[in-house]
Structure formats: structure tokens, C-alpha cells
């Protein structure tokens, strides 16, 4: 199965993203911190407060009041073939 990469859009390098002011869930420290996240070429480059936007290819997304997490998985979901549930 060939899945489309939402970050790529058939370009050699993807767009960069700056998620500003989100409530970042840190499972390692078990804390929620208000931070910015800079994503460069599909990878988290930096997490911190008041990160500057210094690249032309960066889309800034206002995450004020929103939670940002490394991934939340619903472990109770049962996935099977349609019709065989």
C-alpha cells in the first residue's frame, strides 16, 4: 500500500513548521509545559520558549490553548478486517 506523506507533497524537502505556544505533554517528566516546537524536514528540531522564525519556508501555527503530544494511542481499539469483527 502506498501512503501519501502529509509533510512531503512531492517536494525534495518538506515545509518547516513552528508550533507556537502549545501545551506540550512531556511523558518522561510527567509534566505539561507551554512551549514552541520547530519541525524541520519532518523531524522535531527544537523545543523551547519563544523560538524565533528565521526561515522563509516555515509555516507558523498558533497552538495557544491546545495540547501537543508525542502521540496518543487508544489501546482499546480493535482493528480487524471489515465484516469479521
Protein backbone atom coordinates (compact mmCIF):
# COMPACT_ATOMS: atom_id res chain seq x y z
CA UNK A 1 0.00 0.00 0.00
CA UNK A 2 1.39 3.39 -0.97
CA UNK A 3 0.51 6.04 1.62
CA UNK A 4 0.89 9.74 0.90
CA UNK A 5 3.22 11.58 3.26
CA UNK A 6 1.28 14.63 4.53
CA UNK A 7 4.50 16.59 5.07
CA UNK A 8 6.14 15.95 1.70
CA UNK A 9 3.78 16.99 -1.13
CA UNK A 10 6.24 15.57 -3.73
CA UNK A 11 8.99 18.06 -2.88
CA UNK A 12 12.59 17.18 -2.13
CA UNK A 13 12.30 18.79 1.29
CA UNK A 14 9.13 19.39 3.23
CA UNK A 15 7.90 22.67 4.61
CA UNK A 16 9.07 23.59 8.10
CA UNK A 17 6.56 24.20 10.87
CA UNK A 18 6.69 26.25 14.05
CA UNK A 19 4.00 25.28 16.56
CA UNK A 20 3.73 28.33 18.83
CA UNK A 21 2.56 28.38 22.45
CA UNK A 22 1.14 24.87 22.73
CA UNK A 23 0.75 22.92 25.95
CA UNK A 24 3.39 20.26 25.32
CA UNK A 25 2.85 16.95 27.10
CA UNK A 26 6.19 15.53 28.29
CA UNK A 27 5.58 11.89 29.30
CA UNK A 28 9.17 11.42 30.51
CA UNK A 29 8.96 14.23 33.09
CA UNK A 30 5.20 13.74 33.55
CA UNK A 31 4.60 17.47 33.04
CA UNK A 32 2.73 19.81 30.73
CA UNK A 33 4.75 22.85 29.63
CA UNK A 34 3.87 25.82 27.43
CA UNK A 35 6.46 25.66 24.64
CA UNK A 36 7.08 26.10 20.93
CA UNK A 37 8.09 23.19 18.68
CA UNK A 38 10.12 23.66 15.50
CA UNK A 39 9.73 20.87 12.92
CA UNK A 40 12.31 20.82 10.12
CA UNK A 41 12.20 18.30 7.27
CA UNK A 42 9.66 16.12 9.13
CA UNK A 43 11.69 15.92 12.36
CA UNK A 44 11.43 17.83 15.62
CA UNK A 45 14.45 20.12 15.55
CA UNK A 46 13.92 22.13 18.73
CA UNK A 47 11.52 22.55 21.65
CA UNK A 48 11.62 25.70 23.78
CA UNK A 49 10.05 29.01 24.70
CA UNK A 50 9.73 31.86 22.18
CA UNK A 51 11.56 30.12 19.34
CA UNK A 52 12.32 32.60 16.53
CA UNK A 53 11.10 32.13 12.98
CA UNK A 54 14.17 32.63 10.84
CA UNK A 55 13.40 30.66 7.69
CA UNK A 56 11.27 31.58 4.68
CA UNK A 57 9.93 28.03 4.30
CA UNK A 58 8.33 27.96 7.78
CA UNK A 59 4.60 27.92 8.47
CA UNK A 60 3.73 29.20 11.95
CA UNK A 61 0.75 27.54 13.63
CA UNK A 62 -0.79 29.16 16.72
CA UNK A 63 -1.30 26.34 19.25
CA UNK A 64 -2.38 28.58 22.15
CA UNK A 65 -4.70 26.63 24.42
CA UNK A 66 -4.10 23.38 22.51
CA UNK A 67 -2.34 20.25 23.75
CA UNK A 68 0.59 18.89 21.76
CA UNK A 69 1.73 15.34 22.48
CA UNK A 70 4.22 12.87 21.03
CA UNK A 71 1.34 10.53 20.19
CA UNK A 72 -1.77 9.28 21.88
CA UNK A 73 -2.89 5.75 21.09
CA UNK A 74 -6.24 4.26 22.05
CA UNK A 75 -5.18 0.80 23.23
CA UNK A 76 -8.79 -0.41 23.41
CA UNK A 77 -9.42 -0.10 19.69
CA UNK A 78 -9.77 -3.46 17.95
CA UNK A 79 -8.84 -3.34 14.28
CA UNK A 80 -9.75 -6.25 12.02
CA UNK A 81 -10.90 -6.96 8.50
CA UNK A 82 -14.29 -5.44 7.64
CA UNK A 83 -17.08 -7.93 8.18
CA UNK A 84 -15.02 -10.11 10.53
CA UNK A 85 -15.42 -8.01 13.65
